[in-house]
Amino acid sequence: MFFGYIRFFCPIFYIQSYGIEKNLMGENLAFYLVAMLNAASMPDRIILGLLGQFLGLLNLFLISTML
């Protein structure tokens, strides 16, 4: 379970430097990348919460781990 969650947190630490290094955006905008990432994941968290009520939390956890 630890390794399942740690793979989601690694990009958060490196996404700003990656955006600057690849010239995808300037330093001023790269500062907001973590906030953009969290805002983009909000609908997914709501949808998965609703699915967890219907499918069951363990079943949903197994499905999302296999993806």
C-alpha atoms as a PDB file:
ATOM      1  CA  MET A   1       0.000   0.000   0.000  1.00  0.00           C
ATOM      2  CA  PHE A   2       2.909   2.333   0.733  1.00  0.00           C
ATOM      3  CA  PHE A   3       4.365   1.920  -2.748  1.00  0.00           C
ATOM      4  CA  GLY A   4       0.926   2.356  -4.275  1.00  0.00           C
ATOM      5  CA  TYR A   5       0.621   5.823  -2.780  1.00  0.00           C
ATOM      6  CA  ILE A   6       4.246   6.935  -3.076  1.00  0.00           C
ATOM      7  CA  ARG A   7       4.062   6.804  -6.873  1.00  0.00           C
ATOM      8  CA  PHE A   8       1.398   9.509  -6.781  1.00  0.00           C
ATOM      9  CA  PHE A   9       3.457  11.846  -4.617  1.00  0.00           C
ATOM     10  CA  CYS A  10       6.727  11.727  -6.600  1.00  0.00           C
ATOM     11  CA  PRO A  11       5.485  13.869  -9.529  1.00  0.00           C
ATOM     12  CA  ILE A  12       4.349  16.588  -7.115  1.00  0.00           C
ATOM     13  CA  PHE A  13       7.934  17.238  -6.047  1.00  0.00           C
ATOM     14  CA  TYR A  14       9.384  17.337  -9.561  1.00  0.00           C
ATOM     15  CA  ILE A  15       6.621  18.823 -11.708  1.00  0.00           C
ATOM     16  CA  GLN A  16       7.767  22.430 -11.276  1.00  0.00           C
ATOM     17  CA  SER A  17      11.369  21.787 -12.270  1.00  0.00           C
ATOM     18  CA  TYR A  18      10.242  19.565 -15.160  1.00  0.00           C
ATOM     19  CA  GLY A  19       8.010  22.303 -16.567  1.00  0.00           C
ATOM     20  CA  ILE A  20      10.824  24.839 -16.395  1.00  0.00           C
ATOM     21  CA  GLU A  21      13.489  22.452 -17.735  1.00  0.00           C
ATOM     22  CA  LYS A  22      11.465  21.459 -20.806  1.00  0.00           C
ATOM     23  CA  ASN A  23      10.535  25.116 -21.500  1.00  0.00           C
ATOM     24  CA  LEU A  24       6.848  24.306 -21.201  1.00  0.00           C
ATOM     25  CA  MET A  25       6.227  27.406 -19.078  1.00  0.00           C
ATOM     26  CA  GLY A  26       7.974  30.207 -17.285  1.00  0.00           C
ATOM     27  CA  GLU A  27       9.043  30.219 -13.670  1.00  0.00           C
ATOM     28  CA  ASN A  28       6.097  32.393 -12.640  1.00  0.00           C
ATOM     29  CA  LEU A  29       3.548  29.916 -13.982  1.00  0.00           C
ATOM     30  CA  ALA A  30       5.447  26.804 -12.877  1.00  0.00           C
ATOM     31  CA  PHE A  31       5.017  28.002  -9.312  1.00  0.00           C
ATOM     32  CA  TYR A  32       1.279  27.268  -9.636  1.00  0.00           C
ATOM     33  CA  LEU A  33       1.599  23.778 -11.147  1.00  0.00           C
ATOM     34  CA  VAL A  34       1.000  21.946  -7.867  1.00  0.00           C
ATOM     35  CA  ALA A  35      -2.148  23.995  -7.252  1.00  0.00           C
ATOM     36  CA  MET A  36      -3.323  23.234 -10.808  1.00  0.00           C
ATOM     37  CA  LEU A  37      -2.657  19.537 -10.270  1.00  0.00           C
ATOM     38  CA  ASN A  38      -4.685  19.508  -7.064  1.00  0.00           C
ATOM     39  CA  ALA A  39      -7.545  21.465  -8.660  1.00  0.00           C
ATOM     40  CA  ALA A  40      -7.649  19.046 -11.592  1.00  0.00           C
ATOM     41  CA  SER A  41      -7.898  16.059  -9.241  1.00  0.00           C
ATOM     42  CA  MET A  42     -10.905  17.446  -7.363  1.00  0.00           C
ATOM     43  CA  PRO A  43     -13.607  16.112  -9.765  1.00  0.00           C
ATOM     44  CA  ASP A  44     -11.921  12.720  -9.739  1.00  0.00           C
ATOM     45  CA  ARG A  45     -12.002  12.580  -5.947  1.00  0.00           C
ATOM     46  CA  ILE A  46     -15.702  13.416  -5.914  1.00  0.00           C
ATOM     47  CA  ILE A  47     -16.503  10.798  -8.553  1.00  0.00           C
ATOM     48  CA  LEU A  48     -14.461   8.120  -6.781  1.00  0.00           C
ATOM     49  CA  GLY A  49     -16.176   8.985  -3.498  1.00  0.00           C
ATOM     50  CA  LEU A  50     -19.571   8.456  -5.077  1.00  0.00           C
ATOM     51  CA  LEU A  51     -18.445   5.228  -6.733  1.00  0.00           C
ATOM     52  CA  GLY A  52     -17.133   4.019  -3.377  1.00  0.00           C
ATOM     53  CA  GLN A  53     -20.619   4.223  -1.937  1.00  0.00           C
ATOM     54  CA  PHE A  54     -22.040   2.005  -4.675  1.00  0.00           C
ATOM     55  CA  LEU A  55     -19.213  -0.454  -5.354  1.00  0.00           C
ATOM     56  CA  GLY A  56     -17.734  -0.650  -1.890  1.00  0.00           C
ATOM     57  CA  LEU A  57     -14.473   0.871  -0.760  1.00  0.00           C
ATOM     58  CA  LEU A  58     -12.375  -2.281  -0.975  1.00  0.00           C
ATOM     59  CA  ASN A  59     -13.640  -3.132  -4.458  1.00  0.00           C
ATOM     60  CA  LEU A  60     -12.928   0.385  -5.664  1.00  0.00           C
ATOM     61  CA  PHE A  61      -9.469   0.296  -4.084  1.00  0.00           C
ATOM     62  CA  LEU A  62      -8.670  -2.956  -5.889  1.00  0.00           C
ATOM     63  CA  ILE A  63      -9.892  -1.594  -9.227  1.00  0.00           C
ATOM     64  CA  SER A  64      -7.923   1.638  -8.926  1.00  0.00           C
ATOM     65  CA  THR A  65      -4.791  -0.236  -7.826  1.00  0.00           C
ATOM     66  CA  MET A  66      -4.954  -2.455 -10.902  1.00  0.00           C
ATOM     67  CA  LEU A  67      -5.173   0.559 -13.189  1.00  0.00           C
END
